[in-house]
């Protein structure tokens, strides 16, 4: 019997058996059936098999032993039937219910617990409809238990795990955070506090993120010269040499770039003869995407369906990962403004608003340094100032997490722009603008 117990102990409790949950449930079941005593105290050897007892044992005493043996067999069957398949196979050699129970209890050692926790971490997944905060609490609880067993998961490993296992309704969160934050150098504490601070995000806002994510390719394929995204850099009029600038040699006509319609080179989308065939039966989701693609715009902006849901101060600049250009509705902020420049901005809800100029805005940074933000577009139809993460990163700006979990924005020289704020409206910067003298 001792050898059988040793074999079970050597095998160790199966990794997929959560002993902490299984043990109290099994004990309660056995107690209710009046079988716990044989598990706790065991059953004495069969007296009829012991020569010195076999000759003197009374029928009543043997009957009592037989009752205990029957109870032990029932208890053993109940215990084995409650185990997972792998744990059951490893306890087949148990001779009694007490042997099985003791072996599982001993087998639930530190190493086995650590392995189970690691497996739980690997299998973590957010349930559909589960709020983000309870899910983060589940993840952190497992991470803290692992650390008590000296199994350290780096902050970035945990952040990656969370973002990779969010439910379908949060599909757009990872790319948005990837745009705004340096996730590799972000602390887990700051990451969690970010979600706690922003826990009031609405389902509508999440939906807008997802729609903006579908338009991301438009942002990434924008022209590097003028920042518009309805043509390639090779086709940009800004790249065509102006008259009088020739060195005398004949200028060759610039080659046309890749067509946005069919992907082939040598012509533009407006001249393309190939039309994308739409399916005869179209789902609502497909209609929605087609409608978005049919809107020809020069810039894209992630914005709420109703621009008047919130109010924004003139010194507040919203930081958007899916804005393709800096924007402002305030003409007086420009130090220079080209009013001949016209374009269109497409919002993710399908709204198109007009650009009525482009120019420069001068600001004073946190430590007093003056800086000029070039190529800001003038959009009177907006009700907020917008900074484009895409443009800022292309100019060498960086986004890091501060000691309190706040987002700190630096320029390429390491100077801090200003104070940031996370609230229901999103991430914003307070900037001191040196107003220009532009007149209408």
Protein backbone atom coordinates (compact mmCIF):
# COMPACT_ATOMS: atom_id res chain seq x y z
CA UNK A 1 0.00 0.00 0.00
CA UNK A 2 2.84 2.37 0.88
CA UNK A 3 4.53 1.56 -2.44
CA UNK A 4 1.31 2.37 -4.32
CA UNK A 5 1.04 5.71 -2.57
CA UNK A 6 4.66 6.47 -3.38
CA UNK A 7 4.05 5.80 -7.08
CA UNK A 8 1.17 8.26 -7.09
CA UNK A 9 3.21 10.86 -5.27
CA UNK A 10 6.09 10.48 -7.71
CA UNK A 11 3.72 11.15 -10.59
CA UNK A 12 2.62 14.40 -8.90
CA UNK A 13 -0.87 15.85 -9.19
CA UNK A 14 -1.86 16.44 -12.80
CA UNK A 15 -1.29 20.00 -14.00
CA UNK A 16 -4.89 20.32 -15.18
CA UNK A 17 -6.35 19.49 -11.74
CA UNK A 18 -6.96 22.61 -9.68
CA UNK A 19 -6.52 21.05 -6.24
CA UNK A 20 -7.57 24.18 -4.34
CA UNK A 21 -11.00 24.04 -5.98
CA UNK A 22 -11.33 20.26 -6.24
CA UNK A 23 -10.46 19.32 -2.61
CA UNK A 24 -13.19 21.26 -0.71
CA UNK A 25 -15.87 20.19 -3.20
CA UNK A 26 -14.84 16.53 -2.93
CA UNK A 27 -14.75 16.67 0.87
CA UNK A 28 -18.23 18.22 1.03
CA UNK A 29 -19.62 15.53 -1.28
CA UNK A 30 -18.11 12.69 0.78
CA UNK A 31 -19.29 14.22 4.06
CA UNK A 32 -22.87 14.52 2.76
CA UNK A 33 -22.79 10.83 1.78
CA UNK A 34 -21.37 9.79 5.16
CA UNK A 35 -18.09 8.58 3.64
CA UNK A 36 -15.57 11.17 4.86
CA UNK A 37 -14.59 9.14 7.95
CA UNK A 38 -13.00 6.36 5.86
CA UNK A 39 -11.05 8.95 3.85
CA UNK A 40 -9.84 10.73 6.97
CA UNK A 41 -9.11 7.67 9.16
CA UNK A 42 -8.66 4.92 6.62
CA UNK A 43 -9.77 1.27 6.92
CA UNK A 44 -7.89 -1.32 9.04
CA UNK A 45 -6.51 -4.46 7.33
CA UNK A 46 -8.86 -7.37 6.66
CA UNK A 47 -8.82 -9.29 10.00
CA UNK A 48 -9.59 -12.58 8.25
CA UNK A 49 -6.24 -12.30 6.48
CA UNK A 50 -4.31 -11.97 9.76
CA UNK A 51 -3.78 -15.46 11.32
CA UNK A 52 -3.72 -14.30 14.95
CA UNK A 53 -7.02 -12.41 14.48
CA UNK A 54 -8.80 -14.79 12.14
CA UNK A 55 -9.24 -17.43 14.86
CA UNK A 56 -10.80 -15.09 17.44
CA UNK A 57 -12.69 -12.47 15.41
CA UNK A 58 -16.41 -12.24 16.07
CA UNK A 59 -18.97 -12.10 13.27
CA UNK A 60 -20.17 -8.68 14.44
CA UNK A 61 -16.65 -7.24 14.29
CA UNK A 62 -16.05 -8.67 10.83
CA UNK A 63 -19.37 -7.21 9.68
CA UNK A 64 -18.27 -3.75 10.88
CA UNK A 65 -14.99 -4.07 9.00
CA UNK A 66 -16.85 -5.16 5.87
CA UNK A 67 -19.12 -2.09 6.10
CA UNK A 68 -16.03 0.14 6.32
CA UNK A 69 -14.51 -1.62 3.31
CA UNK A 70 -17.71 -1.04 1.28
CA UNK A 71 -17.74 2.65 2.28
CA UNK A 72 -14.07 2.91 1.32
CA UNK A 73 -14.77 1.43 -2.11
CA UNK A 74 -17.63 3.91 -2.66
CA UNK A 75 -15.47 6.83 -1.52
CA UNK A 76 -12.64 5.77 -3.83
CA UNK A 77 -15.04 5.56 -6.79
CA UNK A 78 -16.44 9.02 -6.05
CA UNK A 79 -12.96 10.54 -5.77
CA UNK A 80 -11.69 8.95 -8.96
CA UNK A 81 -14.80 9.90 -10.92
CA UNK A 82 -14.35 13.54 -9.90
CA UNK A 83 -10.78 13.74 -11.24
CA UNK A 84 -9.68 14.95 -14.63
CA UNK A 85 -8.71 12.21 -17.09
CA UNK A 86 -4.97 12.72 -16.67
CA UNK A 87 -5.21 12.85 -12.85
CA UNK A 88 -7.40 9.73 -12.84
CA UNK A 89 -4.84 7.77 -14.85
CA UNK A 90 -2.08 8.77 -12.44
CA UNK A 91 -4.07 7.54 -9.39
CA UNK A 92 -5.24 4.15 -10.69
CA UNK A 93 -2.85 2.33 -8.34
CA UNK A 94 -4.41 3.84 -5.20
CA UNK A 95 -5.52 0.98 -2.88
CA UNK A 96 -7.96 3.05 -0.82
CA UNK A 97 -9.71 6.39 -0.69
CA UNK A 98 -7.28 7.56 2.02
CA UNK A 99 -4.28 6.59 -0.15
CA UNK A 100 -5.66 8.59 -3.06
CA UNK A 101 -6.53 11.62 -0.92
CA UNK A 102 -3.18 11.70 0.90
CA UNK A 103 -1.24 11.30 -2.32
CA UNK A 104 -3.10 14.14 -4.01
CA UNK A 105 -2.61 16.32 -0.96
CA UNK A 106 1.14 15.62 -0.89
CA UNK A 107 1.37 15.94 -4.63
CA UNK A 108 -0.10 19.43 -4.48
CA UNK A 109 3.33 20.83 -3.76
CA UNK A 110 4.90 24.14 -4.71
CA UNK A 111 6.16 22.88 -8.04
CA UNK A 112 2.75 21.56 -9.07
CA UNK A 113 1.02 24.79 -8.05
CA UNK A 114 3.55 26.83 -10.03
CA UNK A 115 2.99 24.71 -13.13
CA UNK A 116 -0.77 25.10 -12.84
CA UNK A 117 -0.42 28.87 -12.51
CA UNK A 118 1.82 29.04 -15.58
CA UNK A 119 -0.74 27.05 -17.52
CA UNK A 120 -3.52 29.37 -16.33
CA UNK A 121 -1.47 32.35 -17.55
CA UNK A 122 -0.91 30.72 -20.94
CA UNK A 123 -4.62 29.97 -21.32
CA UNK A 124 -5.84 33.40 -20.21
CA UNK A 125 -8.55 34.81 -22.43
CA UNK A 126 -11.09 37.56 -22.03
CA UNK A 127 -14.68 36.35 -22.13
CA UNK A 128 -16.97 38.00 -24.67
CA UNK A 129 -18.91 40.71 -22.86
CA UNK A 130 -16.53 40.75 -19.88
CA UNK A 131 -15.61 44.30 -18.80
CA UNK A 132 -11.94 45.21 -19.14
CA UNK A 133 -11.33 45.98 -15.45
CA UNK A 134 -12.42 42.55 -14.05
CA UNK A 135 -10.32 40.90 -16.75
CA UNK A 136 -7.27 42.95 -15.78
CA UNK A 137 -7.88 41.97 -12.14
CA UNK A 138 -7.87 38.28 -13.16
CA UNK A 139 -4.61 38.68 -15.04
CA UNK A 140 -2.88 40.60 -12.24
CA UNK A 141 -3.96 38.04 -9.62
CA UNK A 142 -2.29 35.21 -11.58
CA UNK A 143 0.82 37.31 -12.23
CA UNK A 144 1.16 38.13 -8.52
CA UNK A 145 0.77 34.45 -7.57
CA UNK A 146 3.46 33.50 -10.08
CA UNK A 147 5.81 36.08 -8.57
CA UNK A 148 5.31 34.52 -5.14
CA UNK A 149 6.68 31.31 -6.68
CA UNK A 150 9.67 33.28 -8.03
CA UNK A 151 8.33 33.05 -11.59
CA UNK A 152 8.62 36.54 -12.99
CA UNK A 153 6.70 37.73 -16.00
CA UNK A 154 8.05 41.00 -17.37
CA UNK A 155 5.68 43.94 -17.58
CA UNK A 156 5.85 43.82 -21.37
CA UNK A 157 5.00 40.08 -21.37
CA UNK A 158 1.88 40.80 -19.33
CA UNK A 159 0.90 43.80 -21.47
CA UNK A 160 1.35 41.70 -24.62
CA UNK A 161 -0.75 38.93 -23.08
CA UNK A 162 -3.59 41.30 -22.21
CA UNK A 163 -3.68 42.95 -25.63
CA UNK A 164 -3.48 39.60 -27.43
CA UNK A 165 -6.36 38.07 -25.45
CA UNK A 166 -8.91 40.89 -25.45
CA UNK A 167 -12.35 39.92 -26.69
CA UNK A 168 -13.54 40.74 -30.20
CA UNK A 169 -15.13 44.03 -29.13
CA UNK A 170 -11.68 45.37 -28.22
CA UNK A 171 -9.91 44.43 -31.48
CA UNK A 172 -8.98 48.05 -32.22
CA UNK A 173 -7.49 48.86 -28.82
CA UNK A 174 -4.04 47.31 -29.36
CA UNK A 175 -3.13 49.29 -32.51
CA UNK A 176 -4.42 52.54 -30.99
CA UNK A 177 -2.34 52.05 -27.83
CA UNK A 178 0.60 51.00 -29.97
CA UNK A 179 0.39 54.36 -31.74
CA UNK A 180 0.14 56.41 -28.57
CA UNK A 181 2.42 54.64 -26.10
CA UNK A 182 5.83 53.00 -25.97
CA UNK A 183 4.45 49.66 -24.77
CA UNK A 184 7.85 47.95 -24.53
CA UNK A 185 9.04 50.46 -21.93
CA UNK A 186 5.69 50.97 -20.21
CA UNK A 187 5.27 49.70 -16.66
CA UNK A 188 2.46 47.27 -15.88
CA UNK A 189 1.23 49.66 -13.19
CA UNK A 190 0.92 52.48 -15.72
CA UNK A 191 -0.80 50.18 -18.21
CA UNK A 192 -3.42 49.11 -15.66
CA UNK A 193 -3.93 52.67 -14.39
CA UNK A 194 -4.48 53.77 -17.98
CA UNK A 195 -7.49 51.44 -18.27
CA UNK A 196 -8.78 52.37 -14.81
CA UNK A 197 -8.59 56.05 -15.76
CA UNK A 198 -10.25 55.42 -19.09
CA UNK A 199 -12.79 52.87 -17.83
CA UNK A 200 -15.66 55.15 -18.84
CA UNK A 201 -14.93 54.66 -22.55
CA UNK A 202 -18.22 54.05 -24.34
CA UNK A 203 -19.14 51.25 -26.72
CA UNK A 204 -19.58 53.92 -29.40
CA UNK A 205 -15.98 55.06 -28.91
CA UNK A 206 -14.73 51.48 -29.21
CA UNK A 207 -16.78 51.11 -32.41
CA UNK A 208 -15.21 54.26 -33.80
CA UNK A 209 -11.74 52.91 -33.04
CA UNK A 210 -12.52 49.78 -35.01
CA UNK A 211 -13.83 51.77 -37.96
CA UNK A 212 -10.76 53.99 -37.87
CA UNK A 213 -8.56 50.92 -37.83
CA UNK A 214 -10.11 49.84 -41.15
CA UNK A 215 -9.08 53.20 -42.61
CA UNK A 216 -5.54 52.87 -41.26
CA UNK A 217 -4.10 51.84 -44.63
CA UNK A 218 -5.20 55.18 -46.00
CA UNK A 219 -3.15 56.90 -43.31
CA UNK A 220 -0.09 54.76 -43.94
CA UNK A 221 -0.12 55.34 -47.71
CA UNK A 222 -0.30 59.12 -47.54
CA UNK A 223 2.01 61.24 -49.70
CA UNK A 224 5.26 62.08 -47.94
CA UNK A 225 5.41 65.57 -49.50
CA UNK A 226 2.00 67.09 -48.88
CA UNK A 227 0.58 64.57 -46.33
CA UNK A 228 -2.53 63.94 -48.43
CA UNK A 229 -3.56 60.33 -48.87
CA UNK A 230 -5.38 60.30 -52.22
CA UNK A 231 -2.21 59.91 -54.29
CA UNK A 232 1.36 58.58 -54.16
CA UNK A 233 4.42 60.74 -53.56
CA UNK A 234 5.56 60.20 -57.17
CA UNK A 235 2.34 61.80 -58.42
CA UNK A 236 2.40 64.78 -56.05
CA UNK A 237 2.28 68.14 -57.79
CA UNK A 238 4.65 69.43 -55.13
CA UNK A 239 7.40 67.22 -56.60
CA UNK A 240 7.12 68.61 -60.16
CA UNK A 241 9.94 71.15 -60.79
CA UNK A 242 8.64 74.70 -61.18
CA UNK A 243 9.24 76.73 -64.32
CA UNK A 244 12.48 78.66 -64.28
CA UNK A 245 14.19 76.22 -61.96
CA UNK A 246 15.65 74.07 -64.75
CA UNK A 247 19.40 73.72 -64.97
CA UNK A 248 19.20 73.67 -68.76
CA UNK A 249 18.88 69.95 -69.23
CA UNK A 250 15.50 68.73 -70.36
CA UNK A 251 13.38 67.63 -67.44
CA UNK A 252 11.75 64.25 -67.95
CA UNK A 253 8.14 63.92 -66.96
CA UNK A 254 7.83 62.21 -63.57
CA UNK A 255 6.67 58.63 -63.77
CA UNK A 256 3.25 57.98 -62.44
CA UNK A 257 3.02 55.91 -59.28
CA UNK A 258 0.79 53.02 -58.26
CA UNK A 259 -2.95 53.20 -58.92
CA UNK A 260 -4.97 53.12 -55.70
CA UNK A 261 -7.80 51.32 -57.54
CA UNK A 262 -6.10 48.29 -59.13
CA UNK A 263 -2.59 48.41 -57.67
CA UNK A 264 -0.85 48.65 -61.06
CA UNK A 265 1.66 51.37 -61.90
CA UNK A 266 1.50 53.85 -64.79
CA UNK A 267 -1.81 55.60 -64.13
CA UNK A 268 -3.89 57.14 -61.36
CA UNK A 269 -7.08 55.83 -59.81
CA UNK A 270 -9.23 58.45 -61.58
CA UNK A 271 -7.97 57.17 -64.96
CA UNK A 272 -8.31 53.48 -64.06
CA UNK A 273 -10.50 51.35 -66.35
CA UNK A 274 -10.72 48.47 -63.89
CA UNK A 275 -13.66 48.71 -61.54
CA UNK A 276 -13.93 46.59 -58.44
CA UNK A 277 -16.93 44.28 -58.84
CA UNK A 278 -19.21 44.27 -55.82
CA UNK A 279 -20.98 41.04 -54.80
CA UNK A 280 -24.64 40.74 -55.75
CA UNK A 281 -25.60 40.15 -52.12
CA UNK A 282 -23.94 42.53 -49.69
CA UNK A 283 -24.11 42.41 -45.90
CA UNK A 284 -24.66 45.49 -43.77
CA UNK A 285 -21.01 45.41 -42.71
CA UNK A 286 -19.88 45.27 -46.35
CA UNK A 287 -22.15 48.16 -47.28
CA UNK A 288 -20.69 50.17 -44.43
CA UNK A 289 -17.12 49.57 -45.61
CA UNK A 290 -17.97 50.23 -49.27
CA UNK A 291 -19.58 53.52 -48.32
CA UNK A 292 -16.46 54.54 -46.43
CA UNK A 293 -14.19 53.64 -49.35
CA UNK A 294 -16.32 55.62 -51.81
CA UNK A 295 -15.73 58.85 -49.90
CA UNK A 296 -12.76 60.61 -51.49
CA UNK A 297 -10.97 62.60 -48.81
CA UNK A 298 -7.49 64.02 -48.36
CA UNK A 299 -7.20 63.45 -44.61
CA UNK A 300 -8.68 61.05 -42.08
CA UNK A 301 -9.61 61.80 -38.46
CA UNK A 302 -10.87 59.62 -35.61
CA UNK A 303 -13.68 61.69 -34.11
CA UNK A 304 -16.98 61.10 -32.38
CA UNK A 305 -20.16 60.87 -34.46
CA UNK A 306 -21.38 64.08 -32.85
CA UNK A 307 -18.68 66.73 -32.63
CA UNK A 308 -20.70 68.63 -30.03
CA UNK A 309 -20.74 65.90 -27.38
CA UNK A 310 -17.88 67.60 -25.51
CA UNK A 311 -16.38 71.06 -25.22
CA UNK A 312 -12.69 71.75 -25.85
CA UNK A 313 -10.58 74.70 -24.69
CA UNK A 314 -8.51 76.60 -27.25
CA UNK A 315 -5.27 75.51 -25.58
CA UNK A 316 -6.31 71.83 -25.56
CA UNK A 317 -4.87 69.70 -28.37
CA UNK A 318 -6.31 66.20 -28.76
CA UNK A 319 -3.73 63.53 -29.68
CA UNK A 320 -5.16 61.04 -32.19
CA UNK A 321 -3.46 57.94 -33.52
CA UNK A 322 -5.71 57.89 -36.59
CA UNK A 323 -5.43 61.54 -37.59
CA UNK A 324 -3.28 62.00 -40.69
CA UNK A 325 -2.50 65.67 -40.06
CA UNK A 326 -2.45 68.38 -37.38
CA UNK A 327 -5.68 70.42 -37.46
CA UNK A 328 -7.25 73.44 -35.78
CA UNK A 329 -10.50 75.39 -36.24
CA UNK A 330 -8.97 78.58 -34.78
CA UNK A 331 -7.67 80.97 -37.44
CA UNK A 332 -6.05 83.27 -34.90
CA UNK A 333 -3.57 80.57 -33.86
CA UNK A 334 -1.71 80.70 -37.20
CA UNK A 335 1.46 82.74 -37.64
CA UNK A 336 1.12 82.12 -41.39
CA UNK A 337 -1.81 80.75 -43.37
CA UNK A 338 -2.21 79.85 -47.05
CA UNK A 339 -5.95 80.30 -47.62
CA UNK A 340 -5.71 79.06 -51.21
CA UNK A 341 -5.11 75.54 -49.94
CA UNK A 342 -8.35 73.50 -50.04
CA UNK A 343 -8.92 69.87 -49.09
CA UNK A 344 -11.35 67.48 -47.37
CA UNK A 345 -11.20 65.71 -44.02
CA UNK A 346 -13.15 62.46 -43.63
CA UNK A 347 -14.42 61.44 -40.21
CA UNK A 348 -15.00 57.78 -39.43
CA UNK A 349 -18.77 58.26 -39.35
CA UNK A 350 -18.72 59.29 -43.03
CA UNK A 351 -18.88 63.04 -42.41
CA UNK A 352 -16.68 65.18 -44.67
CA UNK A 353 -15.54 68.64 -43.54
CA UNK A 354 -13.63 71.20 -45.59
CA UNK A 355 -10.07 72.42 -45.13
CA UNK A 356 -9.86 76.20 -45.71
CA UNK A 357 -6.11 76.67 -45.51
CA UNK A 358 -2.76 75.42 -44.26
CA UNK A 359 -0.04 77.13 -42.26
CA UNK A 360 2.19 77.26 -39.20
CA UNK A 361 1.37 77.49 -35.50
CA UNK A 362 3.98 78.60 -32.96
CA UNK A 363 3.86 77.26 -29.39
CA UNK A 364 5.81 77.70 -26.17
CA UNK A 365 6.80 74.35 -24.66
CA UNK A 366 6.77 73.45 -20.96
CA UNK A 367 10.28 74.76 -20.25
CA UNK A 368 9.82 77.93 -22.31
CA UNK A 369 11.28 76.74 -25.62
CA UNK A 370 9.45 78.08 -28.67
CA UNK A 371 8.57 75.61 -31.41
CA UNK A 372 6.79 75.93 -34.74
CA UNK A 373 4.31 73.25 -35.80
CA UNK A 374 4.35 73.26 -39.60
CA UNK A 375 1.64 72.29 -42.09
CA UNK A 376 -1.31 72.57 -39.70
CA UNK A 377 -4.55 72.53 -41.67
CA UNK A 378 -7.30 75.06 -40.94
CA UNK A 379 -10.64 73.24 -40.49
CA UNK A 380 -13.40 75.65 -39.34
CA UNK A 381 -15.91 72.78 -39.08
CA UNK A 382 -14.03 71.15 -36.20
CA UNK A 383 -14.59 71.99 -32.55
CA UNK A 384 -11.14 70.95 -31.33
CA UNK A 385 -7.44 71.16 -32.03
CA UNK A 386 -5.85 67.92 -33.23
CA UNK A 387 -2.28 66.60 -33.15
CA UNK A 388 -1.49 63.65 -35.41
CA UNK A 389 0.59 60.89 -33.80
CA UNK A 390 1.73 59.88 -37.28
CA UNK A 391 3.09 63.36 -38.00
CA UNK A 392 4.61 63.77 -34.54
CA UNK A 393 6.50 60.48 -34.75
CA UNK A 394 7.76 61.34 -38.24
CA UNK A 395 9.25 64.50 -36.70
CA UNK A 396 11.04 62.51 -33.99
CA UNK A 397 8.56 63.00 -31.13
CA UNK A 398 8.27 60.27 -28.50
CA UNK A 399 5.56 59.11 -26.10
CA UNK A 400 6.67 57.65 -22.76
CA UNK A 401 4.94 56.68 -19.52
CA UNK A 402 5.64 58.79 -16.44
CA UNK A 403 5.97 57.66 -12.82
CA UNK A 404 2.26 58.26 -12.15
CA UNK A 405 1.15 56.50 -15.33
CA UNK A 406 0.74 59.74 -17.27
CA UNK A 407 1.76 60.04 -20.91
CA UNK A 408 4.72 62.39 -21.47
CA UNK A 409 5.35 63.77 -24.96
CA UNK A 410 8.87 64.87 -25.96
CA UNK A 411 10.18 66.47 -29.13
CA UNK A 412 13.25 65.08 -30.91
CA UNK A 413 15.57 67.04 -28.55
CA UNK A 414 13.95 65.52 -25.46
CA UNK A 415 12.06 68.66 -24.44
CA UNK A 416 8.59 68.15 -22.97
CA UNK A 417 5.67 69.68 -24.84
CA UNK A 418 3.29 70.26 -21.95
CA UNK A 419 0.93 68.64 -19.47
CA UNK A 420 -1.14 65.71 -20.76
CA UNK A 421 -4.59 64.67 -19.63
CA UNK A 422 -6.55 61.40 -19.99
CA UNK A 423 -10.33 61.70 -19.69
CA UNK A 424 -13.49 60.69 -21.56
CA UNK A 425 -12.46 62.85 -24.49
CA UNK A 426 -9.17 60.96 -24.90
CA UNK A 427 -5.52 61.99 -24.57
CA UNK A 428 -4.80 65.70 -24.85
CA UNK A 429 -1.99 68.23 -24.43
CA UNK A 430 -2.25 71.70 -22.95
CA UNK A 431 -0.17 73.94 -25.22
CA UNK A 432 0.58 77.64 -24.87
CA UNK A 433 0.12 79.02 -28.39
CA UNK A 434 1.84 82.23 -29.46
CA UNK A 435 -1.01 83.69 -31.50
CA UNK A 436 -0.21 84.98 -34.96
CA UNK A 437 -1.32 88.15 -36.70
CA UNK A 438 -3.18 86.47 -39.54
CA UNK A 439 -6.12 88.57 -40.72
CA UNK A 440 -9.11 87.45 -42.74
